[in-house]
Amino acid sequence: IKAGKTLTEQTGTQWYVVKAQVHAGGRGKG
């Protein structure tokens, strides 16, 4: 949540993409 607020302040973005950080491709499909 804090990261989202920081990104809004720095970039103006109102939408956020939440991405799992694992060493594997095809994360979106999973």
Full PDB file with SEQRES, HELIX, SHEET, SSBOND, CRYST1, ORIGX, SCALE, CONECT and MASTER records, all heavy atoms in Angstrom:
SEQRES   1 A   30  ILE LYS ALA GLY LYS THR LEU THR GLU GLN THR GLY THR          
SEQRES   2 A   30  GLN TRP TYR VAL VAL LYS ALA GLN VAL HIS ALA GLY GLY          
SEQRES   3 A   30  ARG GLY LYS GLY                                              
HELIX    1 AA1 LYS A    2  THR A   11  1                                  10    
CRYST1    1.000    1.000    1.000  90.00  90.00  90.00 P 1           1          
ORIGX1      1.000000  0.000000  0.000000        0.00000                         
ORIGX2      0.000000  1.000000  0.000000        0.00000                         
ORIGX3      0.000000  0.000000  1.000000        0.00000                         
SCALE1      1.000000  0.000000  0.000000        0.00000                         
SCALE2      0.000000  1.000000  0.000000        0.00000                         
SCALE3      0.000000  0.000000  1.000000        0.00000                         
ATOM      1  N   ILE A   1       0.836  -1.203   0.000  1.00  0.00           N  
ATOM      2  CA  ILE A   1       0.000   0.000   0.000  1.00  0.00           C  
ATOM      3  C   ILE A   1       0.871   1.254   0.000  1.00  0.00           C  
ATOM      4  O   ILE A   1       0.613   2.223  -0.736  1.00  0.00           O  
ATOM      5  CB  ILE A   1      -0.942  -0.011   1.212  1.00  0.00           C  
ATOM      6  CG1 ILE A   1      -1.913  -1.195   1.101  1.00  0.00           C  
ATOM      7  CG2 ILE A   1      -1.708   1.297   1.317  1.00  0.00           C  
ATOM      8  CD1 ILE A   1      -2.719  -1.446   2.343  1.00  0.00           C  
ATOM      9  N   LYS A   2       1.922   1.235   0.818  1.00  0.00           N  
ATOM     10  CA  LYS A   2       2.856   2.371   0.843  1.00  0.00           C  
ATOM     11  C   LYS A   2       3.524   2.564  -0.509  1.00  0.00           C  
ATOM     12  O   LYS A   2       3.708   3.692  -0.973  1.00  0.00           O  
ATOM     13  CB  LYS A   2       3.913   2.144   1.924  1.00  0.00           C  
ATOM     14  CG  LYS A   2       3.388   2.168   3.349  1.00  0.00           C  
ATOM     15  CD  LYS A   2       4.495   1.850   4.342  1.00  0.00           C  
ATOM     16  CE  LYS A   2       3.955   1.770   5.773  1.00  0.00           C  
ATOM     17  NZ  LYS A   2       5.033   1.363   6.729  1.00  0.00           N  
ATOM     18  N   ALA A   3       3.884   1.441  -1.146  1.00  0.00           N  
ATOM     19  CA  ALA A   3       4.539   1.510  -2.456  1.00  0.00           C  
ATOM     20  C   ALA A   3       3.604   2.132  -3.487  1.00  0.00           C  
ATOM     21  O   ALA A   3       4.030   2.935  -4.329  1.00  0.00           O  
ATOM     22  CB  ALA A   3       4.967   0.109  -2.902  1.00  0.00           C  
ATOM     23  N   GLY A   4       2.324   1.771  -3.411  1.00  0.00           N  
ATOM     24  CA  GLY A   4       1.347   2.342  -4.333  1.00  0.00           C  
ATOM     25  C   GLY A   4       1.252   3.853  -4.187  1.00  0.00           C  
ATOM     26  O   GLY A   4       1.233   4.591  -5.185  1.00  0.00           O  
ATOM     27  N   LYS A   5       1.207   4.331  -2.954  1.00  0.00           N  
ATOM     28  CA  LYS A   5       1.136   5.777  -2.710  1.00  0.00           C  
ATOM     29  C   LYS A   5       2.393   6.484  -3.210  1.00  0.00           C  
ATOM     30  O   LYS A   5       2.321   7.573  -3.797  1.00  0.00           O  
ATOM     31  CB  LYS A   5       0.951   6.034  -1.211  1.00  0.00           C  
ATOM     32  CG  LYS A   5      -0.412   5.570  -0.682  1.00  0.00           C  
ATOM     33  CD  LYS A   5      -0.532   5.794   0.815  1.00  0.00           C  
ATOM     34  CE  LYS A   5      -1.906   5.339   1.334  1.00  0.00           C  
ATOM     35  NZ  LYS A   5      -2.024   5.487   2.806  1.00  0.00           N  
ATOM     36  N   THR A   6       3.546   5.848  -2.993  1.00  0.00           N  
ATOM     37  CA  THR A   6       4.807   6.431  -3.461  1.00  0.00           C  
ATOM     38  C   THR A   6       4.841   6.522  -4.980  1.00  0.00           C  
ATOM     39  O   THR A   6       5.271   7.536  -5.555  1.00  0.00           O  
ATOM     40  CB  THR A   6       6.007   5.578  -2.966  1.00  0.00           C  
ATOM     41  OG1 THR A   6       5.990   5.531  -1.544  1.00  0.00           O  
ATOM     42  CG2 THR A   6       7.321   6.167  -3.447  1.00  0.00           C  
ATOM     43  N   LEU A   7       4.372   5.474  -5.658  1.00  0.00           N  
ATOM     44  CA  LEU A   7       4.350   5.478  -7.124  1.00  0.00           C  
ATOM     45  C   LEU A   7       3.418   6.556  -7.659  1.00  0.00           C  
ATOM     46  O   LEU A   7       3.721   7.212  -8.667  1.00  0.00           O  
ATOM     47  CB  LEU A   7       3.915   4.103  -7.647  1.00  0.00           C  
ATOM     48  CG  LEU A   7       4.959   2.993  -7.609  1.00  0.00           C  
ATOM     49  CD1 LEU A   7       4.349   1.663  -8.019  1.00  0.00           C  
ATOM     50  CD2 LEU A   7       6.128   3.324  -8.536  1.00  0.00           C  
ATOM     51  N   THR A   8       2.279   6.764  -6.984  1.00  0.00           N  
ATOM     52  CA  THR A   8       1.352   7.810  -7.409  1.00  0.00           C  
ATOM     53  C   THR A   8       2.005   9.177  -7.295  1.00  0.00           C  
ATOM     54  O   THR A   8       1.880  10.029  -8.191  1.00  0.00           O  
ATOM     55  CB  THR A   8       0.062   7.762  -6.568  1.00  0.00           C  
ATOM     56  OG1 THR A   8      -0.576   6.496  -6.757  1.00  0.00           O  
ATOM     57  CG2 THR A   8      -0.892   8.872  -6.972  1.00  0.00           C  
ATOM     58  N   GLU A   9       2.737   9.390  -6.208  1.00  0.00           N  
ATOM     59  CA  GLU A   9       3.429  10.667  -6.009  1.00  0.00           C  
ATOM     60  C   GLU A   9       4.522  10.872  -7.050  1.00  0.00           C  
ATOM     61  O   GLU A   9       4.726  11.981  -7.556  1.00  0.00           O  
ATOM     62  CB  GLU A   9       4.045  10.719  -4.611  1.00  0.00           C  
ATOM     63  CG  GLU A   9       3.020  10.768  -3.476  1.00  0.00           C  
ATOM     64  CD  GLU A   9       3.660  10.593  -2.112  1.00  0.00           C  
ATOM     65  OE1 GLU A   9       4.901  10.428  -2.066  1.00  0.00           O  
ATOM     66  OE2 GLU A   9       2.930  10.609  -1.099  1.00  0.00           O  
ATOM     67  N   GLN A  10       5.247   9.792  -7.392  1.00  0.00           N  
ATOM     68  CA  GLN A  10       6.400   9.915  -8.288  1.00  0.00           C  
ATOM     69  C   GLN A  10       6.026   9.904  -9.760  1.00  0.00           C  
ATOM     70  O   GLN A  10       6.675  10.573 -10.577  1.00  0.00           O  
ATOM     71  CB  GLN A  10       7.391   8.786  -8.006  1.00  0.00           C  
ATOM     72  CG  GLN A  10       8.052   8.884  -6.637  1.00  0.00           C  
ATOM     73  CD  GLN A  10       8.983   7.712  -6.363  1.00  0.00           C  
ATOM     74  OE1 GLN A  10       8.972   6.702  -7.079  1.00  0.00           O  
ATOM     75  NE2 GLN A  10       9.797   7.825  -5.321  1.00  0.00           N  
ATOM     76  N   THR A  11       5.006   9.128 -10.120  1.00  0.00           N  
ATOM     77  CA  THR A  11       4.680   8.952 -11.541  1.00  0.00           C  
ATOM     78  C   THR A  11       3.295   9.448 -11.923  1.00  0.00           C  
ATOM     79  O   THR A  11       3.003   9.595 -13.110  1.00  0.00           O  
ATOM     80  CB  THR A  11       4.780   7.457 -11.928  1.00  0.00           C  
ATOM     81  OG1 THR A  11       3.719   6.735 -11.277  1.00  0.00           O  
ATOM     82  CG2 THR A  11       6.123   6.874 -11.514  1.00  0.00           C  
ATOM     83  N   GLY A  12       2.435   9.662 -10.926  1.00  0.00           N  
ATOM     84  CA  GLY A  12       1.068  10.084 -11.215  1.00  0.00           C  
ATOM     85  C   GLY A  12       0.123   8.940 -11.527  1.00  0.00           C  
ATOM     86  O   GLY A  12      -1.059   9.158 -11.780  1.00  0.00           O  
ATOM     87  N   THR A  13       0.619   7.717 -11.515  1.00  0.00           N  
ATOM     88  CA  THR A  13      -0.229   6.572 -11.842  1.00  0.00           C  
ATOM     89  C   THR A  13      -1.344   6.396 -10.817  1.00  0.00           C  
ATOM     90  O   THR A  13      -1.141   6.593  -9.619  1.00  0.00           O  
ATOM     91  CB  THR A  13       0.610   5.274 -11.933  1.00  0.00           C  
ATOM     92  OG1 THR A  13      -0.229   4.216 -12.406  1.00  0.00           O  
ATOM     93  CG2 THR A  13       1.175   4.871 -10.579  1.00  0.00           C  
ATOM     94  N   GLN A  14      -2.521   6.028 -11.303  1.00  0.00           N  
ATOM     95  CA  GLN A  14      -3.668   5.758 -10.420  1.00  0.00           C  
ATOM     96  C   GLN A  14      -3.988   4.270 -10.375  1.00  0.00           C  
ATOM     97  O   GLN A  14      -4.702   3.813  -9.493  1.00  0.00           O  
ATOM     98  CB  GLN A  14      -4.895   6.540 -10.908  1.00  0.00           C  
ATOM     99  CG  GLN A  14      -4.715   8.057 -10.885  1.00  0.00           C  
ATOM    100  CD  GLN A  14      -4.488   8.606  -9.485  1.00  0.00           C  
ATOM    101  OE1 GLN A  14      -5.127   8.179  -8.523  1.00  0.00           O  
ATOM    102  NE2 GLN A  14      -3.563   9.555  -9.361  1.00  0.00           N  
ATOM    103  N   TRP A  15      -3.485   3.536 -11.341  1.00  0.00           N  
ATOM    104  CA  TRP A  15      -3.631   2.085 -11.383  1.00  0.00           C  
ATOM    105  C   TRP A  15      -2.283   1.452 -11.095  1.00  0.00           C  
ATOM    106  O   TRP A  15      -1.225   2.033 -11.386  1.00  0.00           O  
ATOM    107  CB  TRP A  15      -4.126   1.627 -12.751  1.00  0.00           C  
ATOM    108  CG  TRP A  15      -5.553   2.015 -13.052  1.00  0.00           C  
ATOM    109  CD1 TRP A  15      -6.365   2.805 -12.287  1.00  0.00           C  
ATOM    110  CD2 TRP A  15      -6.308   1.644 -14.201  1.00  0.00           C  
ATOM    111  NE1 TRP A  15      -7.583   2.945 -12.875  1.00  0.00           N  
ATOM    112  CE2 TRP A  15      -7.594   2.239 -14.063  1.00  0.00           C  
ATOM    113  CE3 TRP A  15      -6.058   0.869 -15.316  1.00  0.00           C  
ATOM    114  CZ2 TRP A  15      -8.590   2.079 -15.008  1.00  0.00           C  
ATOM    115  CZ3 TRP A  15      -7.055   0.701 -16.273  1.00  0.00           C  
ATOM    116  CH2 TRP A  15      -8.309   1.300 -16.106  1.00  0.00           C  
ATOM    117  N   TYR A  16      -2.323   0.241 -10.562  1.00  0.00           N  
ATOM    118  CA  TYR A  16      -1.087  -0.446 -10.166  1.00  0.00           C  
ATOM    119  C   TYR A  16      -1.095  -1.888 -10.679  1.00  0.00           C  
ATOM    120  O   TYR A  16      -2.143  -2.536 -10.716  1.00  0.00           O  
ATOM    121  CB  TYR A  16      -0.942  -0.464  -8.641  1.00  0.00           C  
ATOM    122  CG  TYR A  16      -1.251   0.869  -7.993  1.00  0.00           C  
ATOM    123  CD1 TYR A  16      -2.518   1.118  -7.451  1.00  0.00           C  
ATOM    124  CD2 TYR A  16      -0.304   1.872  -7.945  1.00  0.00           C  
ATOM    125  CE1 TYR A  16      -2.817   2.330  -6.869  1.00  0.00           C  
ATOM    126  CE2 TYR A  16      -0.592   3.097  -7.363  1.00  0.00           C  
ATOM    127  CZ  TYR A  16      -1.857   3.325  -6.831  1.00  0.00           C  
ATOM    128  OH  TYR A  16      -2.150   4.541  -6.273  1.00  0.00           O  
ATOM    129  N   VAL A  17       0.074  -2.360 -11.060  1.00  0.00           N  
ATOM    130  CA  VAL A  17       0.216  -3.751 -11.481  1.00  0.00           C  
ATOM    131  C   VAL A  17       0.942  -4.498 -10.371  1.00  0.00           C  
ATOM    132  O   VAL A  17       2.029  -4.087  -9.942  1.00  0.00           O  
ATOM    133  CB  VAL A  17       1.002  -3.872 -12.798  1.00  0.00           C  
ATOM    134  CG1 VAL A  17       1.005  -5.323 -13.278  1.00  0.00           C  
ATOM    135  CG2 VAL A  17       0.403  -2.958 -13.859  1.00  0.00           C  
ATOM    136  N   VAL A  18       0.328  -5.578  -9.889  1.00  0.00           N  
ATOM    137  CA  VAL A  18       0.909  -6.392  -8.819  1.00  0.00           C  
ATOM    138  C   VAL A  18       1.510  -7.638  -9.460  1.00  0.00           C  
ATOM    139  O   VAL A  18       0.785  -8.431 -10.076  1.00  0.00           O  
ATOM    140  CB  VAL A  18      -0.149  -6.789  -7.769  1.00  0.00           C  
ATOM    141  CG1 VAL A  18       0.505  -7.537  -6.610  1.00  0.00           C  
ATOM    142  CG2 VAL A  18      -0.886  -5.547  -7.268  1.00  0.00           C  
ATOM    143  N   LYS A  19       2.827  -7.811  -9.319  1.00  0.00           N  
ATOM    144  CA  LYS A  19       3.530  -8.897 -10.012  1.00  0.00           C  
ATOM    145  C   LYS A  19       4.273  -9.786  -9.021  1.00  0.00           C  
ATOM    146  O   LYS A  19       5.092  -9.304  -8.227  1.00  0.00           O  
ATOM    147  CB  LYS A  19       4.544  -8.330 -11.009  1.00  0.00           C  
ATOM    148  CG  LYS A  19       3.947  -7.465 -12.104  1.00  0.00           C  
ATOM    149  CD  LYS A  19       5.054  -7.040 -13.054  1.00  0.00           C  
ATOM    150  CE  LYS A  19       4.525  -6.276 -14.244  1.00  0.00           C  
ATOM    151  NZ  LYS A  19       5.602  -5.976 -15.211  1.00  0.00           N  
ATOM    152  N   ALA A  20       3.998 -11.078  -9.096  1.00  0.00           N  
ATOM    153  CA  ALA A  20       4.744 -12.041  -8.287  1.00  0.00           C  
ATOM    154  C   ALA A  20       6.198 -12.068  -8.746  1.00  0.00           C  
ATOM    155  O   ALA A  20       6.474 -12.069  -9.946  1.00  0.00           O  
ATOM    156  CB  ALA A  20       4.132 -13.433  -8.433  1.00  0.00           C  
ATOM    157  N   GLN A  21       7.128 -12.086  -7.790  1.00  0.00           N  
ATOM    158  CA  GLN A  21       8.552 -12.137  -8.108  1.00  0.00           C  
ATOM    159  C   GLN A  21       9.083 -13.542  -7.835  1.00  0.00           C  
ATOM    160  O   GLN A  21       9.470 -13.881  -6.713  1.00  0.00           O  
ATOM    161  CB  GLN A  21       9.312 -11.086  -7.298  1.00  0.00           C  
ATOM    162  CG  GLN A  21       8.895  -9.659  -7.602  1.00  0.00           C  
ATOM    163  CD  GLN A  21       9.172  -9.254  -9.036  1.00  0.00           C  
ATOM    164  OE1 GLN A  21      10.301  -8.984  -9.424  1.00  0.00           O  
ATOM    165  NE2 GLN A  21       8.118  -9.218  -9.866  1.00  0.00           N  
ATOM    166  N   VAL A  22       9.036 -14.363  -8.866  1.00  0.00           N  
ATOM    167  CA  VAL A  22       9.589 -15.715  -8.799  1.00  0.00           C  
ATOM    168  C   VAL A  22      10.414 -15.938 -10.056  1.00  0.00           C  
ATOM    169  O   VAL A  22      10.207 -15.274 -11.080  1.00  0.00           O  
ATOM    170  CB  VAL A  22       8.491 -16.803  -8.695  1.00  0.00           C  
ATOM    171  CG1 VAL A  22       7.715 -16.674  -7.390  1.00  0.00           C  
ATOM    172  CG2 VAL A  22       7.551 -16.749  -9.895  1.00  0.00           C  
ATOM    173  N   HIS A  23      11.343 -16.894  -9.977  1.00  0.00           N  
ATOM    174  CA  HIS A  23      12.184 -17.198 -11.135  1.00  0.00           C  
ATOM    175  C   HIS A  23      11.460 -18.173 -12.054  1.00  0.00           C  
ATOM    176  O   HIS A  23      11.779 -19.355 -12.129  1.00  0.00           O  
ATOM    177  CB  HIS A  23      13.523 -17.783 -10.679  1.00  0.00           C  
ATOM    178  CG  HIS A  23      14.386 -16.801  -9.962  1.00  0.00           C  
ATOM    179  ND1 HIS A  23      15.506 -17.156  -9.248  1.00  0.00           N  
ATOM    180  CD2 HIS A  23      14.291 -15.452  -9.833  1.00  0.00           C  
ATOM    181  CE1 HIS A  23      16.061 -16.076  -8.718  1.00  0.00           C  
ATOM    182  NE2 HIS A  23      15.336 -15.035  -9.061  1.00  0.00           N  
ATOM    183  N   ALA A  24      10.462 -17.677 -12.752  1.00  0.00           N  
ATOM    184  CA  ALA A  24       9.696 -18.498 -13.692  1.00  0.00           C  
ATOM    185  C   ALA A  24       8.895 -17.596 -14.606  1.00  0.00           C  
ATOM    186  O   ALA A  24       8.428 -16.524 -14.197  1.00  0.00           O  
ATOM    187  CB  ALA A  24       8.765 -19.456 -12.953  1.00  0.00           C  
ATOM    188  N   GLY A  25       8.746 -18.026 -15.851  1.00  0.00           N  
ATOM    189  CA  GLY A  25       7.925 -17.287 -16.796  1.00  0.00           C  
ATOM    190  C   GLY A  25       6.471 -17.742 -16.723  1.00  0.00           C  
ATOM    191  O   GLY A  25       6.130 -18.675 -16.005  1.00  0.00           O  
ATOM    192  N   GLY A  26       5.625 -17.058 -17.475  1.00  0.00           N  
ATOM    193  CA  GLY A  26       4.212 -17.421 -17.497  1.00  0.00           C  
ATOM    194  C   GLY A  26       3.469 -17.074 -16.234  1.00  0.00           C  
ATOM    195  O   GLY A  26       2.453 -17.698 -15.902  1.00  0.00           O  
ATOM    196  N   ARG A  27       3.948 -16.042 -15.514  1.00  0.00           N  
ATOM    197  CA  ARG A  27       3.330 -15.688 -14.228  1.00  0.00           C  
ATOM    198  C   ARG A  27       1.892 -15.220 -14.395  1.00  0.00           C  
ATOM    199  O   ARG A  27       1.034 -15.504 -13.558  1.00  0.00           O  
ATOM    200  CB  ARG A  27       4.162 -14.604 -13.532  1.00  0.00           C  
ATOM    201  CG  ARG A  27       5.530 -15.061 -13.086  1.00  0.00           C  
ATOM    202  CD  ARG A  27       6.374 -13.881 -12.629  1.00  0.00           C  
ATOM    203  NE  ARG A  27       6.620 -12.955 -13.727  1.00  0.00           N  
ATOM    204  CZ  ARG A  27       7.055 -11.703 -13.572  1.00  0.00           C  
ATOM    205  NH1 ARG A  27       7.265 -11.229 -12.356  1.00  0.00           N  
ATOM    206  NH2 ARG A  27       7.263 -10.931 -14.623  1.00  0.00           N  
ATOM    207  N   GLY A  28       1.633 -14.491 -15.476  1.00  0.00           N  
ATOM    208  CA  GLY A  28       0.281 -13.981 -15.694  1.00  0.00           C  
ATOM    209  C   GLY A  28      -0.724 -15.094 -15.865  1.00  0.00           C  
ATOM    210  O   GLY A  28      -1.835 -15.036 -15.329  1.00  0.00           O  
ATOM    211  N   LYS A  29      -0.339 -16.136 -16.605  1.00  0.00           N  
ATOM    212  CA  LYS A  29      -1.245 -17.265 -16.832  1.00  0.00           C  
ATOM    213  C   LYS A  29      -1.543 -18.011 -15.540  1.00  0.00           C  
ATOM    214  O   LYS A  29      -2.592 -18.625 -15.392  1.00  0.00           O  
ATOM    215  CB  LYS A  29      -0.626 -18.216 -17.863  1.00  0.00           C  
ATOM    216  CG  LYS A  29      -0.473 -17.605 -19.244  1.00  0.00           C  
ATOM    217  CD  LYS A  29       0.206 -18.571 -20.200  1.00  0.00           C  
ATOM    218  CE  LYS A  29       0.399 -17.940 -21.582  1.00  0.00           C  
ATOM    219  NZ  LYS A  29       1.123 -18.858 -22.497  1.00  0.00           N  
ATOM    220  N   GLY A  30      -0.607 -17.954 -14.587  1.00  0.00           N  
ATOM    221  CA  GLY A  30      -0.803 -18.659 -13.325  1.00  0.00           C  
ATOM    222  C   GLY A  30      -1.473 -17.813 -12.254  1.00  0.00           C  
ATOM    223  O   GLY A  30      -1.621 -18.261 -11.118  1.00  0.00           O  
TER     224      GLY A  30                                                      
MASTER        0    0    0    1    0    0    0    6  223    1    0    3          
END                                                                             
